[in-house]
Amino acid sequence: MDLSHSKGFFCSFCFFLMILFSGCSGGGSDSREVDTDIIDLPYSANGEGKKKKVPELSFDKMEVDAGRILQGDIFDCEFEFKNTGKAPLVISGVSASCGCTVLRNYPQDKIMPGEKGKIEVSYNSDNKRGEQVSVIAITANTLPPRTELAIRAQVVAPDKP
């Protein structure tokens, strides 16, 4: 078998595959899908940074006070925010400090500079009593990468007959 013929065929086949798949990228420049190009954080672990535009996550309020609620009540709330930075914002995760707080919704796509969004959560006071604080942690491509929000409640036991 001629080795140069095999090399030529292999190169031609690779070129064909490259042409075939290069047109399959899909979205244009206005795509809201998360790409790997915006996951690059502009600062290294030692704090040395590149001069690069970054997103900024700015919340209207960092804490919601549910006030006095009866044990077993469910308190729904929203945390509204705006990307006040100069680059697309991507929220990669939202978690709560305990099972009593349930994440209902948060943006899964890019939030462009100047755009707003909201994180919706529910706090369940079942089996809770007294002063309660539930922390919601947001992980995003911001500096710092973690932002914490809180729900406070004074849970009172219902009167028993």
C-alpha atoms as a PDB file:
ATOM      1  CA  MET A   1       0.000   0.000   0.000  1.00  0.00           C
ATOM      2  CA  ASP A   2       1.306   3.437  -0.929  1.00  0.00           C
ATOM      3  CA  LEU A   3       1.827   5.541   2.226  1.00  0.00           C
ATOM      4  CA  SER A   4       1.705   8.879   0.394  1.00  0.00           C
ATOM      5  CA  HIS A   5      -1.688   7.941  -1.085  1.00  0.00           C
ATOM      6  CA  SER A   6      -3.033   7.188   2.442  1.00  0.00           C
ATOM      7  CA  LYS A   7      -1.711  10.501   3.785  1.00  0.00           C
ATOM      8  CA  GLY A   8      -3.346  12.402   0.935  1.00  0.00           C
ATOM      9  CA  PHE A   9      -6.663  10.660   1.491  1.00  0.00           C
ATOM     10  CA  PHE A  10      -6.493  11.299   5.246  1.00  0.00           C
ATOM     11  CA  CYS A  11      -5.707  15.017   4.757  1.00  0.00           C
ATOM     12  CA  SER A  12      -8.525  15.368   2.227  1.00  0.00           C
ATOM     13  CA  PHE A  13     -10.943  13.606   4.570  1.00  0.00           C
ATOM     14  CA  CYS A  14      -9.950  15.855   7.526  1.00  0.00           C
ATOM     15  CA  PHE A  15     -10.331  18.968   5.350  1.00  0.00           C
ATOM     16  CA  PHE A  16     -13.803  17.780   4.273  1.00  0.00           C
ATOM     17  CA  LEU A  17     -14.847  17.241   7.918  1.00  0.00           C
ATOM     18  CA  MET A  18     -13.504  20.647   8.910  1.00  0.00           C
ATOM     19  CA  ILE A  19     -15.526  22.371   6.159  1.00  0.00           C
ATOM     20  CA  LEU A  20     -18.611  20.310   6.986  1.00  0.00           C
ATOM     21  CA  PHE A  21     -18.623  21.109  10.705  1.00  0.00           C
ATOM     22  CA  SER A  22     -17.470  24.724  10.506  1.00  0.00           C
ATOM     23  CA  GLY A  23     -20.944  25.761   9.339  1.00  0.00           C
ATOM     24  CA  CYS A  24     -22.684  24.032  12.252  1.00  0.00           C
ATOM     25  CA  SER A  25     -21.960  26.589  14.948  1.00  0.00           C
ATOM     26  CA  GLY A  26     -25.548  27.846  14.860  1.00  0.00           C
ATOM     27  CA  GLY A  27     -26.025  31.177  16.628  1.00  0.00           C
ATOM     28  CA  GLY A  28     -24.944  34.555  15.441  1.00  0.00           C
ATOM     29  CA  SER A  29     -23.390  37.324  17.490  1.00  0.00           C
ATOM     30  CA  ASP A  30     -26.704  38.057  19.278  1.00  0.00           C
ATOM     31  CA  SER A  31     -27.063  34.502  20.645  1.00  0.00           C
ATOM     32  CA  ARG A  32     -28.078  34.212  24.296  1.00  0.00           C
ATOM     33  CA  GLU A  33     -26.551  30.758  24.643  1.00  0.00           C
ATOM     34  CA  VAL A  34     -23.573  30.472  26.956  1.00  0.00           C
ATOM     35  CA  ASP A  35     -20.288  30.103  25.073  1.00  0.00           C
ATOM     36  CA  THR A  36     -16.889  29.252  26.474  1.00  0.00           C
ATOM     37  CA  ASP A  37     -15.503  32.645  25.400  1.00  0.00           C
ATOM     38  CA  ILE A  38     -17.208  34.430  28.320  1.00  0.00           C
ATOM     39  CA  ILE A  39     -16.317  31.879  30.993  1.00  0.00           C
ATOM     40  CA  ASP A  40     -12.723  33.152  31.090  1.00  0.00           C
ATOM     41  CA  LEU A  41     -12.330  35.076  34.337  1.00  0.00           C
ATOM     42  CA  PRO A  42     -10.133  38.140  33.884  1.00  0.00           C
ATOM     43  CA  TYR A  43      -8.180  37.591  37.105  1.00  0.00           C
ATOM     44  CA  SER A  44      -5.932  34.759  38.157  1.00  0.00           C
ATOM     45  CA  ALA A  45      -5.982  33.037  41.531  1.00  0.00           C
ATOM     46  CA  ASN A  46      -3.132  35.235  42.780  1.00  0.00           C
ATOM     47  CA  GLY A  47      -5.111  38.407  42.015  1.00  0.00           C
ATOM     48  CA  GLU A  48      -3.154  39.483  38.966  1.00  0.00           C
ATOM     49  CA  GLY A  49      -5.621  40.672  36.402  1.00  0.00           C
ATOM     50  CA  LYS A  50      -5.807  41.278  32.727  1.00  0.00           C
ATOM     51  CA  LYS A  51      -7.355  44.544  31.624  1.00  0.00           C
ATOM     52  CA  LYS A  52     -10.646  43.147  30.447  1.00  0.00           C
ATOM     53  CA  LYS A  53     -14.291  44.133  30.559  1.00  0.00           C
ATOM     54  CA  VAL A  54     -16.221  42.188  33.201  1.00  0.00           C
ATOM     55  CA  PRO A  55     -19.887  41.777  34.171  1.00  0.00           C
ATOM     56  CA  GLU A  56     -21.133  43.167  37.486  1.00  0.00           C
ATOM     57  CA  LEU A  57     -24.087  41.752  39.392  1.00  0.00           C
ATOM     58  CA  SER A  58     -25.962  44.606  41.149  1.00  0.00           C
ATOM     59  CA  PHE A  59     -28.985  43.718  43.295  1.00  0.00           C
ATOM     60  CA  ASP A  60     -31.770  46.105  44.332  1.00  0.00           C
ATOM     61  CA  LYS A  61     -31.667  44.438  47.762  1.00  0.00           C
ATOM     62  CA  MET A  62     -29.337  41.810  49.185  1.00  0.00           C
ATOM     63  CA  GLU A  63     -31.722  40.731  51.937  1.00  0.00           C
ATOM     64  CA  VAL A  64     -35.481  40.212  52.191  1.00  0.00           C
ATOM     65  CA  ASP A  65     -37.204  40.324  55.570  1.00  0.00           C
ATOM     66  CA  ALA A  66     -40.317  38.142  55.674  1.00  0.00           C
ATOM     67  CA  GLY A  67     -41.190  39.541  59.096  1.00  0.00           C
ATOM     68  CA  ARG A  68     -43.266  37.398  61.465  1.00  0.00           C
ATOM     69  CA  ILE A  69     -44.690  34.326  59.770  1.00  0.00           C
ATOM     70  CA  LEU A  70     -46.511  31.295  61.110  1.00  0.00           C
ATOM     71  CA  GLN A  71     -44.679  28.024  61.294  1.00  0.00           C
ATOM     72  CA  GLY A  72     -45.550  26.064  58.140  1.00  0.00           C
ATOM     73  CA  ASP A  73     -46.126  29.153  55.968  1.00  0.00           C
ATOM     74  CA  ILE A  74     -44.358  29.474  52.629  1.00  0.00           C
ATOM     75  CA  PHE A  75     -42.859  32.871  51.791  1.00  0.00           C
ATOM     76  CA  ASP A  76     -42.198  33.624  48.099  1.00  0.00           C
ATOM     77  CA  CYS A  77     -39.801  36.403  47.091  1.00  0.00           C
ATOM     78  CA  GLU A  78     -37.755  37.767  44.216  1.00  0.00           C
ATOM     79  CA  PHE A  79     -34.303  39.287  44.107  1.00  0.00           C
ATOM     80  CA  GLU A  80     -34.051  41.687  41.154  1.00  0.00           C
ATOM     81  CA  PHE A  81     -30.670  42.528  39.683  1.00  0.00           C
ATOM     82  CA  LYS A  82     -28.990  44.337  36.821  1.00  0.00           C
ATOM     83  CA  ASN A  83     -25.788  43.629  34.926  1.00  0.00           C
ATOM     84  CA  THR A  84     -24.026  46.954  35.520  1.00  0.00           C
ATOM     85  CA  GLY A  85     -20.778  45.677  34.025  1.00  0.00           C
ATOM     86  CA  LYS A  86     -19.297  45.882  30.537  1.00  0.00           C
ATOM     87  CA  ALA A  87     -19.578  42.201  29.509  1.00  0.00           C
ATOM     88  CA  PRO A  88     -22.304  39.514  29.318  1.00  0.00           C
ATOM     89  CA  LEU A  89     -23.255  38.034  32.696  1.00  0.00           C
ATOM     90  CA  VAL A  90     -23.683  34.275  33.099  1.00  0.00           C
ATOM     91  CA  ILE A  91     -25.133  32.809  36.288  1.00  0.00           C
ATOM     92  CA  SER A  92     -23.699  29.312  36.499  1.00  0.00           C
ATOM     93  CA  GLY A  93     -25.416  28.272  39.703  1.00  0.00           C
ATOM     94  CA  VAL A  94     -27.760  29.258  42.513  1.00  0.00           C
ATOM     95  CA  SER A  95     -27.982  27.298  45.756  1.00  0.00           C
ATOM     96  CA  ALA A  96     -29.537  27.692  49.201  1.00  0.00           C
ATOM     97  CA  SER A  97     -28.006  27.050  52.611  1.00  0.00           C
ATOM     98  CA  CYS A  98     -30.768  24.611  53.600  1.00  0.00           C
ATOM     99  CA  GLY A  99     -33.614  22.585  52.143  1.00  0.00           C
ATOM    100  CA  CYS A 100     -36.156  25.063  53.487  1.00  0.00           C
ATOM    101  CA  THR A 101     -35.361  27.477  50.637  1.00  0.00           C
ATOM    102  CA  VAL A 102     -36.267  26.337  47.141  1.00  0.00           C
ATOM    103  CA  LEU A 103     -35.020  27.989  43.987  1.00  0.00           C
ATOM    104  CA  ARG A 104     -37.973  28.539  41.637  1.00  0.00           C
ATOM    105  CA  ASN A 105     -36.336  30.354  38.722  1.00  0.00           C
ATOM    106  CA  TYR A 106     -33.218  32.226  37.572  1.00  0.00           C
ATOM    107  CA  PRO A 107     -31.878  33.294  34.151  1.00  0.00           C
ATOM    108  CA  GLN A 108     -30.106  30.484  32.318  1.00  0.00           C
ATOM    109  CA  ASP A 109     -28.962  32.598  29.348  1.00  0.00           C
ATOM    110  CA  LYS A 110     -26.569  35.535  29.025  1.00  0.00           C
ATOM    111  CA  ILE A 111     -27.658  38.798  30.606  1.00  0.00           C
ATOM    112  CA  MET A 112     -26.196  41.548  28.472  1.00  0.00           C
ATOM    113  CA  PRO A 113     -24.768  44.776  29.997  1.00  0.00           C
ATOM    114  CA  GLY A 114     -27.607  47.022  31.184  1.00  0.00           C
ATOM    115  CA  GLU A 115     -30.174  44.213  31.217  1.00  0.00           C
ATOM    116  CA  LYS A 116     -32.140  43.122  34.280  1.00  0.00           C
ATOM    117  CA  GLY A 117     -33.145  39.754  35.664  1.00  0.00           C
ATOM    118  CA  LYS A 118     -34.545  38.160  38.798  1.00  0.00           C
ATOM    119  CA  ILE A 119     -33.998  35.174  41.030  1.00  0.00           C
ATOM    120  CA  GLU A 120     -37.190  33.682  42.453  1.00  0.00           C
ATOM    121  CA  VAL A 121     -37.138  31.626  45.650  1.00  0.00           C
ATOM    122  CA  SER A 122     -39.584  30.158  48.175  1.00  0.00           C
ATOM    123  CA  TYR A 123     -38.881  29.835  51.890  1.00  0.00           C
ATOM    124  CA  ASN A 124     -40.755  27.062  53.736  1.00  0.00           C
ATOM    125  CA  SER A 125     -41.006  27.666  57.489  1.00  0.00           C
ATOM    126  CA  ASP A 126     -42.255  24.152  58.263  1.00  0.00           C
ATOM    127  CA  ASN A 127     -40.524  22.773  61.396  1.00  0.00           C
ATOM    128  CA  LYS A 128     -38.752  26.115  61.984  1.00  0.00           C
ATOM    129  CA  ARG A 129     -39.058  28.353  65.020  1.00  0.00           C
ATOM    130  CA  GLY A 130     -37.609  31.693  66.070  1.00  0.00           C
ATOM    131  CA  GLU A 131     -35.203  33.904  64.098  1.00  0.00           C
ATOM    132  CA  GLN A 132     -34.296  32.231  60.792  1.00  0.00           C
ATOM    133  CA  VAL A 133     -31.809  33.245  58.099  1.00  0.00           C
ATOM    134  CA  SER A 134     -31.509  31.381  54.820  1.00  0.00           C
ATOM    135  CA  VAL A 135     -28.597  32.238  52.537  1.00  0.00           C
ATOM    136  CA  ILE A 136     -28.838  32.012  48.742  1.00  0.00           C
ATOM    137  CA  ALA A 137     -25.467  31.774  46.962  1.00  0.00           C
ATOM    138  CA  ILE A 138     -25.095  32.882  43.333  1.00  0.00           C
ATOM    139  CA  THR A 139     -22.103  31.767  41.294  1.00  0.00           C
ATOM    140  CA  ALA A 140     -21.419  33.821  38.166  1.00  0.00           C
ATOM    141  CA  ASN A 141     -18.631  35.070  35.906  1.00  0.00           C
ATOM    142  CA  THR A 142     -18.209  38.151  38.119  1.00  0.00           C
ATOM    143  CA  LEU A 143     -15.551  39.383  40.516  1.00  0.00           C
ATOM    144  CA  PRO A 144     -15.903  37.990  43.096  1.00  0.00           C
ATOM    145  CA  PRO A 145     -17.519  34.924  41.536  1.00  0.00           C
ATOM    146  CA  ARG A 146     -19.854  34.306  44.513  1.00  0.00           C
ATOM    147  CA  THR A 147     -22.602  36.653  45.740  1.00  0.00           C
ATOM    148  CA  GLU A 148     -24.764  35.909  48.777  1.00  0.00           C
ATOM    149  CA  LEU A 149     -28.361  36.974  49.381  1.00  0.00           C
ATOM    150  CA  ALA A 150     -30.458  36.323  52.491  1.00  0.00           C
ATOM    151  CA  ILE A 151     -34.036  35.757  53.587  1.00  0.00           C
ATOM    152  CA  ARG A 152     -34.810  36.595  57.228  1.00  0.00           C
ATOM    153  CA  ALA A 153     -37.942  35.512  59.068  1.00  0.00           C
ATOM    154  CA  GLN A 154     -39.260  35.404  62.617  1.00  0.00           C
ATOM    155  CA  VAL A 155     -41.138  32.095  62.662  1.00  0.00           C
ATOM    156  CA  VAL A 156     -43.811  31.766  65.353  1.00  0.00           C
ATOM    157  CA  ALA A 157     -45.612  28.589  66.310  1.00  0.00           C
ATOM    158  CA  PRO A 158     -49.366  28.625  65.709  1.00  0.00           C
ATOM    159  CA  ASP A 159     -51.607  28.704  68.769  1.00  0.00           C
ATOM    160  CA  LYS A 160     -52.729  25.230  69.728  1.00  0.00           C
ATOM    161  CA  PRO A 161     -56.395  24.768  70.746  1.00  0.00           C
END
